[in-house]
C-alpha atoms as a PDB file:
ATOM      1  CA  MET A   1      27.245   6.927  38.243  1.00  0.00           C
ATOM      2  CA  SER A   2      24.059   8.049  36.490  1.00  0.00           C
ATOM      3  CA  PHE A   3      22.609   6.923  33.223  1.00  0.00           C
ATOM      4  CA  SER A   4      20.801   9.249  30.874  1.00  0.00           C
ATOM      5  CA  ARG A   5      18.454   8.054  28.221  1.00  0.00           C
ATOM      6  CA  GLY A   6      18.654  11.439  26.560  1.00  0.00           C
ATOM      7  CA  PRO A   7      15.741  13.541  25.439  1.00  0.00           C
ATOM      8  CA  ARG A   8      12.692  11.676  24.230  1.00  0.00           C
ATOM      9  CA  GLU A   9      11.113  12.572  20.932  1.00  0.00           C
ATOM     10  CA  PRO A  10       7.563  13.867  21.304  1.00  0.00           C
ATOM     11  CA  VAL A  11       4.863  11.399  20.248  1.00  0.00           C
ATOM     12  CA  PRO A  12       2.698  12.897  17.489  1.00  0.00           C
ATOM     13  CA  GLU A  13      -0.969  13.306  18.396  1.00  0.00           C
ATOM     14  CA  VAL A  14      -3.756  12.679  15.893  1.00  0.00           C
ATOM     15  CA  GLU A  15      -7.544  12.956  15.786  1.00  0.00           C
ATOM     16  CA  THR A  16      -8.861   9.476  16.535  1.00  0.00           C
ATOM     17  CA  ASN A  17     -12.369   8.004  16.594  1.00  0.00           C
ATOM     18  CA  VAL A  18     -13.117   6.614  20.053  1.00  0.00           C
ATOM     19  CA  TRP A  19     -16.003   5.204  22.060  1.00  0.00           C
ATOM     20  CA  SER A  20     -16.608   7.117  25.308  1.00  0.00           C
ATOM     21  CA  CYS A  21     -18.662   5.933  28.292  1.00  0.00           C
ATOM     22  CA  THR A  22     -21.939   7.810  28.834  1.00  0.00           C
ATOM     23  CA  SER A  23     -21.901   7.346  32.636  1.00  0.00           C
ATOM     24  CA  ASP A  24     -21.001  10.481  34.619  1.00  0.00           C
ATOM     25  CA  ASP A  25     -19.257   8.263  37.186  1.00  0.00           C
ATOM     26  CA  CYS A  26     -16.968   6.522  34.661  1.00  0.00           C
ATOM     27  CA  GLN A  27     -13.993   7.776  32.655  1.00  0.00           C
ATOM     28  CA  GLY A  28     -13.927   4.737  30.327  1.00  0.00           C
ATOM     29  CA  TRP A  29     -13.113   5.072  26.644  1.00  0.00           C
ATOM     30  CA  MET A  30     -11.486   3.010  23.893  1.00  0.00           C
ATOM     31  CA  ARG A  31     -10.217   3.514  20.387  1.00  0.00           C
ATOM     32  CA  GLU A  32     -12.892   2.642  17.835  1.00  0.00           C
ATOM     33  CA  SER A  33     -10.426   0.386  16.010  1.00  0.00           C
ATOM     34  CA  PHE A  34     -10.030  -1.731  19.192  1.00  0.00           C
ATOM     35  CA  SER A  35     -13.742  -2.523  19.432  1.00  0.00           C
ATOM     36  CA  PHE A  36     -15.295  -5.589  17.855  1.00  0.00           C
ATOM     37  CA  ALA A  37     -18.923  -4.567  18.508  1.00  0.00           C
ATOM     38  CA  GLU A  38     -20.852  -2.094  16.363  1.00  0.00           C
ATOM     39  CA  GLU A  39     -22.158  -0.427  19.531  1.00  0.00           C
ATOM     40  CA  PRO A  40     -20.005  -1.567  22.468  1.00  0.00           C
ATOM     41  CA  THR A  41     -20.787  -1.279  26.160  1.00  0.00           C
ATOM     42  CA  CYS A  42     -18.217   0.135  28.557  1.00  0.00           C
ATOM     43  CA  PRO A  43     -15.791  -2.595  29.661  1.00  0.00           C
ATOM     44  CA  LEU A  44     -15.469  -0.897  33.070  1.00  0.00           C
ATOM     45  CA  CYS A  45     -19.100  -0.277  34.083  1.00  0.00           C
ATOM     46  CA  SER A  46     -21.244  -1.839  31.288  1.00  0.00           C
ATOM     47  CA  SER A  47     -22.919   1.495  30.410  1.00  0.00           C
ATOM     48  CA  ALA A  48     -23.684   2.564  26.849  1.00  0.00           C
ATOM     49  CA  MET A  49     -20.943   4.305  24.882  1.00  0.00           C
ATOM     50  CA  ASN A  50     -21.023   7.218  22.423  1.00  0.00           C
ATOM     51  CA  ARG A  51     -18.751   7.713  19.431  1.00  0.00           C
ATOM     52  CA  GLU A  52     -16.556  10.846  19.555  1.00  0.00           C
ATOM     53  CA  VAL A  53     -13.244  12.180  18.250  1.00  0.00           C
ATOM     54  CA  ARG A  54     -10.266  12.832  20.565  1.00  0.00           C
ATOM     55  CA  VAL A  55      -6.753  14.060  19.950  1.00  0.00           C
ATOM     56  CA  ILE A  56      -4.543  11.335  21.422  1.00  0.00           C
ATOM     57  CA  PRO A  57      -1.041   9.913  20.816  1.00  0.00           C
ATOM     58  CA  GLU A  58      -0.657   8.101  17.518  1.00  0.00           C
ATOM     59  CA  MET A  59      -0.239   4.331  17.619  1.00  0.00           C
ATOM     60  CA  LYS A  60       2.012   2.740  15.047  1.00  0.00           C
END
């Protein structure tokens, strides 16, 4: 017996302000709305972060 969850609806993607790690060796980033600091450091490697815009899945 197999169970099917059926087709999933696509998650809409939106332009979102994020902080992105400046280190070439790190892929760290976070949504701007999840940061409490005005200029956060990367939680993975402690490098500086730059503000940018990415198209990512919308959070509700």
